[in-house]
Amino acid sequence: MRTGAEYRHALHDGRRVWVSGEGLLEDVTVHPATRTFVDEYAAWYDRHFDPAWQGVVLTQPDANGDPAP
């Protein structure tokens, strides 16, 4: 599972994103049309590492003792 920062970094891979009425976005992580979505997805990834959320976002440990998202 990656962190929110790793998710944000992965979005800087040369992708070209066009938004109707806005045109080509240079950076989806900071543009007002997409930033909120990126922020929420990054928060979701980070919740997997937050002990307060692990009971909600992870399954019970498997036979090897490893929980899954």
PDB file of N, CA and C in Angstrom:
ATOM      1  N   MET A   1       0.858  -1.173   0.000  1.00  0.00           N
ATOM      2  CA  MET A   1       0.000   0.000   0.000  1.00  0.00           C
ATOM      3  C   MET A   1       0.901   1.231   0.000  1.00  0.00           C
ATOM      4  N   ARG A   2       0.605   2.162  -0.870  1.00  0.00           N
ATOM      5  CA  ARG A   2       1.404   3.374  -0.916  1.00  0.00           C
ATOM      6  C   ARG A   2       0.813   4.456  -0.019  1.00  0.00           C
ATOM      7  N   THR A   3       1.597   5.465   0.264  1.00  0.00           N
ATOM      8  CA  THR A   3       1.148   6.590   1.080  1.00  0.00           C
ATOM      9  C   THR A   3       0.508   7.644   0.175  1.00  0.00           C
ATOM     10  N   GLY A   4      -0.115   8.622   0.801  1.00  0.00           N
ATOM     11  CA  GLY A   4      -0.690   9.716   0.044  1.00  0.00           C
ATOM     12  C   GLY A   4       0.367  10.481  -0.743  1.00  0.00           C
ATOM     13  N   ALA A   5       1.535  10.682  -0.146  1.00  0.00           N
ATOM     14  CA  ALA A   5       2.626  11.379  -0.838  1.00  0.00           C
ATOM     15  C   ALA A   5       3.098  10.582  -2.047  1.00  0.00           C
ATOM     16  N   GLU A   6       3.162   9.269  -1.913  1.00  0.00           N
ATOM     17  CA  GLU A   6       3.561   8.419  -3.039  1.00  0.00           C
ATOM     18  C   GLU A   6       2.519   8.495  -4.158  1.00  0.00           C
ATOM     19  N   TYR A   7       1.246   8.556  -3.783  1.00  0.00           N
ATOM     20  CA  TYR A   7       0.179   8.698  -4.780  1.00  0.00           C
ATOM     21  C   TYR A   7       0.339  10.011  -5.545  1.00  0.00           C
ATOM     22  N   ARG A   8       0.526  11.106  -4.802  1.00  0.00           N
ATOM     23  CA  ARG A   8       0.713  12.407  -5.453  1.00  0.00           C
ATOM     24  C   ARG A   8       1.913  12.379  -6.404  1.00  0.00           C
ATOM     25  N   HIS A   9       3.007  11.804  -5.940  1.00  0.00           N
ATOM     26  CA  HIS A   9       4.210  11.719  -6.772  1.00  0.00           C
ATOM     27  C   HIS A   9       3.931  10.923  -8.051  1.00  0.00           C
ATOM     28  N   ALA A  10       3.153   9.859  -7.937  1.00  0.00           N
ATOM     29  CA  ALA A  10       2.847   9.008  -9.092  1.00  0.00           C
ATOM     30  C   ALA A  10       2.052   9.766 -10.160  1.00  0.00           C
ATOM     31  N   LEU A  11       1.370  10.825  -9.777  1.00  0.00           N
ATOM     32  CA  LEU A  11       0.587  11.602 -10.735  1.00  0.00           C
ATOM     33  C   LEU A  11       1.459  12.515 -11.602  1.00  0.00           C
ATOM     34  N   HIS A  12       2.731  12.616 -11.258  1.00  0.00           N
ATOM     35  CA  HIS A  12       3.672  13.420 -12.054  1.00  0.00           C
ATOM     36  C   HIS A  12       4.441  12.501 -12.998  1.00  0.00           C
ATOM     37  N   ASP A  13       3.706  11.811 -13.840  1.00  0.00           N
ATOM     38  CA  ASP A  13       4.311  10.798 -14.716  1.00  0.00           C
ATOM     39  C   ASP A  13       4.216  11.171 -16.190  1.00  0.00           C
ATOM     40  N   GLY A  14       3.929  12.425 -16.471  1.00  0.00           N
ATOM     41  CA  GLY A  14       3.839  12.863 -17.857  1.00  0.00           C
ATOM     42  C   GLY A  14       2.453  12.760 -18.459  1.00  0.00           C
ATOM     43  N   ARG A  15       1.479  12.355 -17.645  1.00  0.00           N
ATOM     44  CA  ARG A  15       0.110  12.248 -18.181  1.00  0.00           C
ATOM     45  C   ARG A  15      -0.394  13.599 -18.657  1.00  0.00           C
ATOM     46  N   ARG A  16      -1.267  13.551 -19.617  1.00  0.00           N
ATOM     47  CA  ARG A  16      -1.900  14.757 -20.156  1.00  0.00           C
ATOM     48  C   ARG A  16      -3.383  14.673 -19.825  1.00  0.00           C
ATOM     49  N   VAL A  17      -3.861  15.634 -19.063  1.00  0.00           N
ATOM     50  CA  VAL A  17      -5.250  15.646 -18.623  1.00  0.00           C
ATOM     51  C   VAL A  17      -5.923  16.912 -19.146  1.00  0.00           C
ATOM     52  N   TRP A  18      -7.032  16.696 -19.836  1.00  0.00           N
ATOM     53  CA  TRP A  18      -7.830  17.797 -20.352  1.00  0.00           C
ATOM     54  C   TRP A  18      -9.133  17.861 -19.579  1.00  0.00           C
ATOM     55  N   VAL A  19      -9.526  19.058 -19.169  1.00  0.00           N
ATOM     56  CA  VAL A  19     -10.789  19.268 -18.467  1.00  0.00           C
ATOM     57  C   VAL A  19     -11.621  20.230 -19.295  1.00  0.00           C
ATOM     58  N   SER A  20     -12.869  19.852 -19.534  1.00  0.00           N
ATOM     59  CA  SER A  20     -13.772  20.691 -20.319  1.00  0.00           C
ATOM     60  C   SER A  20     -13.855  22.090 -19.712  1.00  0.00           C
ATOM     61  N   GLY A  21     -13.658  23.078 -20.545  1.00  0.00           N
ATOM     62  CA  GLY A  21     -13.718  24.457 -20.085  1.00  0.00           C
ATOM     63  C   GLY A  21     -12.414  24.966 -19.502  1.00  0.00           C
ATOM     64  N   GLU A  22     -11.471  24.073 -19.249  1.00  0.00           N
ATOM     65  CA  GLU A  22     -10.185  24.455 -18.674  1.00  0.00           C
ATOM     66  C   GLU A  22      -9.037  24.207 -19.638  1.00  0.00           C
ATOM     67  N   GLY A  23      -9.152  23.153 -20.445  1.00  0.00           N
ATOM     68  CA  GLY A  23      -8.080  22.783 -21.350  1.00  0.00           C
ATOM     69  C   GLY A  23      -7.094  21.841 -20.690  1.00  0.00           C
ATOM     70  N   LEU A  24      -5.862  21.869 -21.155  1.00  0.00           N
ATOM     71  CA  LEU A  24      -4.813  20.989 -20.652  1.00  0.00           C
ATOM     72  C   LEU A  24      -4.368  21.456 -19.273  1.00  0.00           C
ATOM     73  N   LEU A  25      -4.349  20.537 -18.318  1.00  0.00           N
ATOM     74  CA  LEU A  25      -3.879  20.854 -16.970  1.00  0.00           C
ATOM     75  C   LEU A  25      -2.405  20.491 -16.871  1.00  0.00           C
ATOM     76  N   GLU A  26      -1.621  21.392 -16.355  1.00  0.00           N
ATOM     77  CA  GLU A  26      -0.198  21.132 -16.196  1.00  0.00           C
ATOM     78  C   GLU A  26       0.069  20.207 -15.009  1.00  0.00           C
ATOM     79  N   ASP A  27      -0.705  20.368 -13.938  1.00  0.00           N
ATOM     80  CA  ASP A  27      -0.461  19.581 -12.727  1.00  0.00           C
ATOM     81  C   ASP A  27      -1.799  19.324 -12.026  1.00  0.00           C
ATOM     82  N   VAL A  28      -2.284  18.087 -12.092  1.00  0.00           N
ATOM     83  CA  VAL A  28      -3.587  17.764 -11.492  1.00  0.00           C
ATOM     84  C   VAL A  28      -3.569  17.839  -9.974  1.00  0.00           C
ATOM     85  N   THR A  29      -2.379  17.827  -9.369  1.00  0.00           N
ATOM     86  CA  THR A  29      -2.313  17.861  -7.905  1.00  0.00           C
ATOM     87  C   THR A  29      -2.558  19.250  -7.328  1.00  0.00           C
ATOM     88  N   VAL A  30      -2.456  20.278  -8.156  1.00  0.00           N
ATOM     89  CA  VAL A  30      -2.646  21.640  -7.647  1.00  0.00           C
ATOM     90  C   VAL A  30      -3.725  22.432  -8.382  1.00  0.00           C
ATOM     91  N   HIS A  31      -4.205  21.942  -9.511  1.00  0.00           N
ATOM     92  CA  HIS A  31      -5.216  22.693 -10.268  1.00  0.00           C
ATOM     93  C   HIS A  31      -6.547  22.665  -9.517  1.00  0.00           C
ATOM     94  N   PRO A  32      -7.253  23.800  -9.438  1.00  0.00           N
ATOM     95  CA  PRO A  32      -8.523  23.858  -8.703  1.00  0.00           C
ATOM     96  C   PRO A  32      -9.582  22.862  -9.180  1.00  0.00           C
ATOM     97  N   ALA A  33      -9.545  22.475 -10.453  1.00  0.00           N
ATOM     98  CA  ALA A  33     -10.548  21.540 -10.976  1.00  0.00           C
ATOM     99  C   ALA A  33     -10.313  20.109 -10.517  1.00  0.00           C
ATOM    100  N   THR A  34      -9.103  19.769 -10.086  1.00  0.00           N
ATOM    101  CA  THR A  34      -8.777  18.378  -9.742  1.00  0.00           C
ATOM    102  C   THR A  34      -8.128  18.211  -8.372  1.00  0.00           C
ATOM    103  N   ARG A  35      -7.644  19.281  -7.787  1.00  0.00           N
ATOM    104  CA  ARG A  35      -6.903  19.205  -6.522  1.00  0.00           C
ATOM    105  C   ARG A  35      -7.699  18.516  -5.406  1.00  0.00           C
ATOM    106  N   THR A  36      -8.988  18.809  -5.299  1.00  0.00           N
ATOM    107  CA  THR A  36      -9.801  18.225  -4.223  1.00  0.00           C
ATOM    108  C   THR A  36      -9.870  16.709  -4.347  1.00  0.00           C
ATOM    109  N   PHE A  37     -10.008  16.212  -5.571  1.00  0.00           N
ATOM    110  CA  PHE A  37     -10.035  14.759  -5.773  1.00  0.00           C
ATOM    111  C   PHE A  37      -8.705  14.133  -5.361  1.00  0.00           C
ATOM    112  N   VAL A  38      -7.618  14.762  -5.780  1.00  0.00           N
ATOM    113  CA  VAL A  38      -6.286  14.256  -5.427  1.00  0.00           C
ATOM    114  C   VAL A  38      -6.110  14.267  -3.914  1.00  0.00           C
ATOM    115  N   ASP A  39      -6.523  15.332  -3.255  1.00  0.00           N
ATOM    116  CA  ASP A  39      -6.408  15.427  -1.794  1.00  0.00           C
ATOM    117  C   ASP A  39      -7.169  14.295  -1.103  1.00  0.00           C
ATOM    118  N   GLU A  40      -8.375  14.009  -1.574  1.00  0.00           N
ATOM    119  CA  GLU A  40      -9.185  12.955  -0.944  1.00  0.00           C
ATOM    120  C   GLU A  40      -8.578  11.566  -1.162  1.00  0.00           C
ATOM    121  N   TYR A  41      -8.086  11.298  -2.364  1.00  0.00           N
ATOM    122  CA  TYR A  41      -7.443  10.009  -2.611  1.00  0.00           C
ATOM    123  C   TYR A  41      -6.172   9.865  -1.781  1.00  0.00           C
ATOM    124  N   ALA A  42      -5.390  10.939  -1.668  1.00  0.00           N
ATOM    125  CA  ALA A  42      -4.178  10.893  -0.851  1.00  0.00           C
ATOM    126  C   ALA A  42      -4.538  10.626   0.618  1.00  0.00           C
ATOM    127  N   ALA A  43      -5.582  11.263   1.105  1.00  0.00           N
ATOM    128  CA  ALA A  43      -6.028  11.032   2.486  1.00  0.00           C
ATOM    129  C   ALA A  43      -6.460   9.580   2.675  1.00  0.00           C
ATOM    130  N   TRP A  44      -7.134   9.009   1.669  1.00  0.00           N
ATOM    131  CA  TRP A  44      -7.572   7.612   1.751  1.00  0.00           C
ATOM    132  C   TRP A  44      -6.365   6.683   1.876  1.00  0.00           C
ATOM    133  N   TYR A  45      -5.342   6.901   1.070  1.00  0.00           N
ATOM    134  CA  TYR A  45      -4.129   6.083   1.179  1.00  0.00           C
ATOM    135  C   TYR A  45      -3.505   6.236   2.560  1.00  0.00           C
ATOM    136  N   ASP A  46      -3.421   7.460   3.064  1.00  0.00           N
ATOM    137  CA  ASP A  46      -2.805   7.701   4.368  1.00  0.00           C
ATOM    138  C   ASP A  46      -3.584   7.059   5.507  1.00  0.00           C
ATOM    139  N   ARG A  47      -4.892   6.944   5.371  1.00  0.00           N
ATOM    140  CA  ARG A  47      -5.698   6.318   6.428  1.00  0.00           C
ATOM    141  C   ARG A  47      -5.281   4.858   6.675  1.00  0.00           C
ATOM    142  N   HIS A  48      -4.761   4.204   5.683  1.00  0.00           N
ATOM    143  CA  HIS A  48      -4.332   2.815   5.849  1.00  0.00           C
ATOM    144  C   HIS A  48      -3.150   2.678   6.810  1.00  0.00           C
ATOM    145  N   PHE A  49      -2.445   3.776   7.064  1.00  0.00           N
ATOM    146  CA  PHE A  49      -1.307   3.775   7.975  1.00  0.00           C
ATOM    147  C   PHE A  49      -1.644   4.402   9.330  1.00  0.00           C
ATOM    148  N   ASP A  50      -2.846   4.935   9.464  1.00  0.00           N
ATOM    149  CA  ASP A  50      -3.285   5.586  10.702  1.00  0.00           C
ATOM    150  C   ASP A  50      -3.942   4.537  11.601  1.00  0.00           C
ATOM    151  N   PRO A  51      -3.368   4.288  12.784  1.00  0.00           N
ATOM    152  CA  PRO A  51      -3.945   3.267  13.677  1.00  0.00           C
ATOM    153  C   PRO A  51      -5.422   3.480  13.994  1.00  0.00           C
ATOM    154  N   ALA A  52      -5.866   4.727  14.031  1.00  0.00           N
ATOM    155  CA  ALA A  52      -7.272   5.013  14.331  1.00  0.00           C
ATOM    156  C   ALA A  52      -8.199   4.534  13.220  1.00  0.00           C
ATOM    157  N   TRP A  53      -7.691   4.392  12.006  1.00  0.00           N
ATOM    158  CA  TRP A  53      -8.505   3.987  10.859  1.00  0.00           C
ATOM    159  C   TRP A  53      -8.309   2.534  10.460  1.00  0.00           C
ATOM    160  N   GLN A  54      -7.297   1.871  10.948  1.00  0.00           N
ATOM    161  CA  GLN A  54      -6.975   0.540  10.458  1.00  0.00           C
ATOM    162  C   GLN A  54      -8.105  -0.462  10.659  1.00  0.00           C
ATOM    163  N   GLY A  55      -8.889  -0.319  11.700  1.00  0.00           N
ATOM    164  CA  GLY A  55     -10.019  -1.214  11.907  1.00  0.00           C
ATOM    165  C   GLY A  55     -11.136  -1.007  10.900  1.00  0.00           C
ATOM    166  N   VAL A  56     -11.133   0.133  10.235  1.00  0.00           N
ATOM    167  CA  VAL A  56     -12.162   0.463   9.248  1.00  0.00           C
ATOM    168  C   VAL A  56     -11.710   0.106   7.838  1.00  0.00           C
ATOM    169  N   VAL A  57     -10.469   0.424   7.506  1.00  0.00           N
ATOM    170  CA  VAL A  57     -10.008   0.292   6.124  1.00  0.00           C
ATOM    171  C   VAL A  57      -9.248  -1.006   5.831  1.00  0.00           C
ATOM    172  N   LEU A  58      -8.934  -1.784   6.864  1.00  0.00           N
ATOM    173  CA  LEU A  58      -8.214  -3.044   6.659  1.00  0.00           C
ATOM    174  C   LEU A  58      -9.068  -4.225   7.103  1.00  0.00           C
ATOM    175  N   THR A  59      -8.882  -5.362   6.444  1.00  0.00           N
ATOM    176  CA  THR A  59      -9.578  -6.580   6.838  1.00  0.00           C
ATOM    177  C   THR A  59      -8.900  -7.198   8.053  1.00  0.00           C
ATOM    178  N   GLN A  60      -9.520  -8.187   8.613  1.00  0.00           N
ATOM    179  CA  GLN A  60      -8.882  -8.924   9.693  1.00  0.00           C
ATOM    180  C   GLN A  60      -7.639  -9.624   9.131  1.00  0.00           C
ATOM    181  N   PRO A  61      -6.615  -9.815   9.936  1.00  0.00           N
ATOM    182  CA  PRO A  61      -5.402 -10.474   9.450  1.00  0.00           C
ATOM    183  C   PRO A  61      -5.687 -11.862   8.885  1.00  0.00           C
ATOM    184  N   ASP A  62      -4.976 -12.213   7.819  1.00  0.00           N
ATOM    185  CA  ASP A  62      -5.114 -13.532   7.219  1.00  0.00           C
ATOM    186  C   ASP A  62      -4.302 -14.560   8.007  1.00  0.00           C
ATOM    187  N   ALA A  63      -4.164 -15.746   7.472  1.00  0.00           N
ATOM    188  CA  ALA A  63      -3.442 -16.822   8.170  1.00  0.00           C
ATOM    189  C   ALA A  63      -1.990 -16.467   8.466  1.00  0.00           C
ATOM    190  N   ASN A  64      -1.425 -15.572   7.653  1.00  0.00           N
ATOM    191  CA  ASN A  64      -0.045 -15.121   7.874  1.00  0.00           C
ATOM    192  C   ASN A  64       0.039 -13.932   8.810  1.00  0.00           C
ATOM    193  N   GLY A  65      -1.121 -13.445   9.269  1.00  0.00           N
ATOM    194  CA  GLY A  65      -1.147 -12.292  10.162  1.00  0.00           C
ATOM    195  C   GLY A  65      -1.136 -10.955   9.452  1.00  0.00           C
ATOM    196  N   ASP A  66      -1.344 -10.972   8.144  1.00  0.00           N
ATOM    197  CA  ASP A  66      -1.304  -9.738   7.361  1.00  0.00           C
ATOM    198  C   ASP A  66      -2.712  -9.245   7.042  1.00  0.00           C
ATOM    199  N   PRO A  67      -3.055  -8.001   7.444  1.00  0.00           N
ATOM    200  CA  PRO A  67      -4.341  -7.438   7.038  1.00  0.00           C
ATOM    201  C   PRO A  67      -4.262  -6.972   5.596  1.00  0.00           C
ATOM    202  N   ALA A  68      -5.395  -6.857   4.958  1.00  0.00           N
ATOM    203  CA  ALA A  68      -5.451  -6.399   3.566  1.00  0.00           C
ATOM    204  C   ALA A  68      -6.352  -5.171   3.475  1.00  0.00           C
ATOM    205  N   PRO A  69      -6.066  -4.271   2.533  1.00  0.00           N
ATOM    206  CA  PRO A  69      -6.938  -3.106   2.365  1.00  0.00           C
ATOM    207  C   PRO A  69      -8.306  -3.517   1.832  1.00  0.00           C
TER     208      PRO A  69
END
